[in-house]
Protein backbone atom coordinates (compact mmCIF):
# COMPACT_ATOMS: atom_id res chain seq x y z
CA MET A 1 -2.39 24.53 -13.32
CA ILE A 2 0.04 21.92 -14.58
CA GLY A 3 1.14 20.82 -10.70
CA ASP A 4 -2.54 20.48 -9.78
CA VAL A 5 -3.21 18.22 -12.89
CA VAL A 6 0.33 16.20 -11.82
CA ALA A 7 -1.33 15.95 -8.19
CA ALA A 8 -4.61 14.95 -9.11
CA VAL A 9 -3.37 12.20 -11.44
CA LEU A 10 -1.03 10.85 -8.33
CA ILE A 11 -3.51 10.89 -5.71
CA LEU A 12 -6.23 9.34 -8.20
CA GLY A 13 -3.84 6.64 -9.15
CA GLY A 14 -2.96 6.04 -5.49
CA VAL A 15 -6.68 5.56 -4.58
CA GLY A 16 -7.00 3.18 -7.68
CA PHE A 17 -4.08 1.10 -6.11
CA LEU A 18 -5.62 1.21 -2.66
CA ALA A 19 -8.61 0.09 -4.29
CA LEU A 20 -7.05 -2.57 -5.76
CA GLY A 21 -5.41 -3.92 -2.28
CA VAL A 22 -9.16 -3.86 -1.05
CA ILE A 23 -10.34 -5.95 -3.80
CA GLY A 24 -7.20 -8.09 -3.43
CA THR A 25 -8.35 -8.85 0.15
CA ALA A 26 -11.76 -9.71 -0.60
CA ARG A 27 -10.96 -12.09 -3.55
CA PHE A 28 -7.56 -14.01 -2.78
CA PRO A 29 -8.18 -17.14 -1.03
CA ASP A 30 -5.71 -17.60 1.45
CA TYR A 31 -4.00 -15.20 4.08
CA TYR A 32 -0.51 -15.33 2.41
CA SER A 33 -2.03 -13.80 -1.08
CA ARG A 34 -4.20 -11.45 0.76
CA THR A 35 -1.22 -10.31 2.91
CA HIS A 36 0.86 -9.66 -0.51
CA ALA A 37 -1.82 -7.74 -2.30
CA VAL A 38 -2.18 -5.42 0.56
CA ALA A 39 1.26 -4.95 1.19
CA LYS A 40 2.14 -4.30 -2.62
CA ALA A 41 -1.13 -2.14 -3.54
CA GLU A 42 -0.86 -0.16 -0.29
CA THR A 43 2.75 0.72 -0.42
CA LEU A 44 2.49 2.10 -4.06
CA GLY A 45 -0.91 3.54 -3.31
CA MET A 46 0.35 5.28 -0.08
CA LEU A 47 3.45 6.93 -2.30
CA LEU A 48 1.36 7.89 -4.97
CA VAL A 49 -1.11 9.95 -2.85
CA PHE A 50 1.52 11.18 -0.49
CA GLY A 51 3.44 12.31 -3.58
CA GLY A 52 0.37 13.92 -4.94
CA LEU A 53 0.15 15.88 -1.26
CA LEU A 54 3.57 17.02 -1.77
CA VAL A 55 3.21 18.55 -5.45
CA THR A 56 0.00 20.31 -3.88
CA LEU A 57 2.04 21.63 -1.16
CA ARG A 58 4.63 23.12 -3.47
CA GLY A 59 7.33 23.43 -0.89
CA GLY A 60 5.13 25.27 1.73
CA ALA A 61 4.85 24.55 5.31
CA GLY A 62 4.65 21.08 6.35
CA THR A 63 6.56 19.43 3.23
CA ALA A 64 9.02 18.18 5.25
CA GLN A 65 6.88 16.23 7.61
CA LEU A 66 4.87 14.98 4.77
CA ALA A 67 8.19 13.68 3.54
CA LEU A 68 9.40 12.21 6.40
CA ILE A 69 5.58 10.34 7.35
CA ALA A 70 5.96 9.09 3.31
CA LEU A 71 9.29 7.61 3.98
CA PHE A 72 8.16 5.99 7.19
CA SER A 73 5.54 4.42 5.48
CA PHE A 74 7.92 3.13 2.72
CA LEU A 75 9.76 1.58 4.82
CA VAL A 76 7.40 0.51 7.69
CA ASN A 77 4.69 -1.27 5.61
CA PRO A 78 6.51 -4.13 3.94
CA THR A 79 8.26 -4.96 7.06
CA ALA A 80 5.15 -5.21 9.08
CA THR A 81 3.43 -7.35 6.36
CA HIS A 82 6.52 -9.66 6.36
CA ALA A 83 6.65 -9.97 9.91
CA LEU A 84 2.67 -10.67 10.05
CA ALA A 85 3.29 -13.48 7.17
CA ARG A 86 6.39 -14.58 9.48
CA VAL A 87 4.28 -15.16 12.38
CA ALA A 88 1.43 -16.91 10.39
CA ARG A 89 4.17 -19.42 8.95
CA ARG A 90 5.58 -20.32 12.31
CA ARG A 91 1.88 -20.77 13.87
CA GLY A 92 0.89 -23.37 11.29
CA VAL A 93 -1.09 -21.35 8.60
CA THR A 94 -0.86 -23.01 5.22
CA PRO A 95 -0.87 -21.61 2.01
CA TRP A 96 -3.66 -22.32 -0.13
CA HIS A 97 -3.36 -24.70 -3.03
CA LYS A 98 -4.99 -25.44 -6.10
CA GLY A 99 -7.83 -27.86 -5.34
CA ASP A 100 -8.31 -26.78 -1.84
CA PRO A 101 -11.95 -25.61 -0.49
CA ARG A 102 -11.81 -22.08 0.23
């Protein structure tokens, strides 16, 4: 019973962070702030969802695989967004400044 409540809270929290990432993508003015919003919200959101799923499994089959997927996502997501932002900077994408048109 308590495990189910903890899992539900973790999963709903993760979905909330993922939704914030979507809102940040739609609302922020430039590529860099959008990338930052997605990287932070998606990393934390996915970890919370994976944590909730791990609590749901309770050490059953697939727990190790799910934990490895969570670890891989935790390492790869920030690295990939950093690489994308770095490529954008090298290609001349300029950051938005106050007063610039959107």
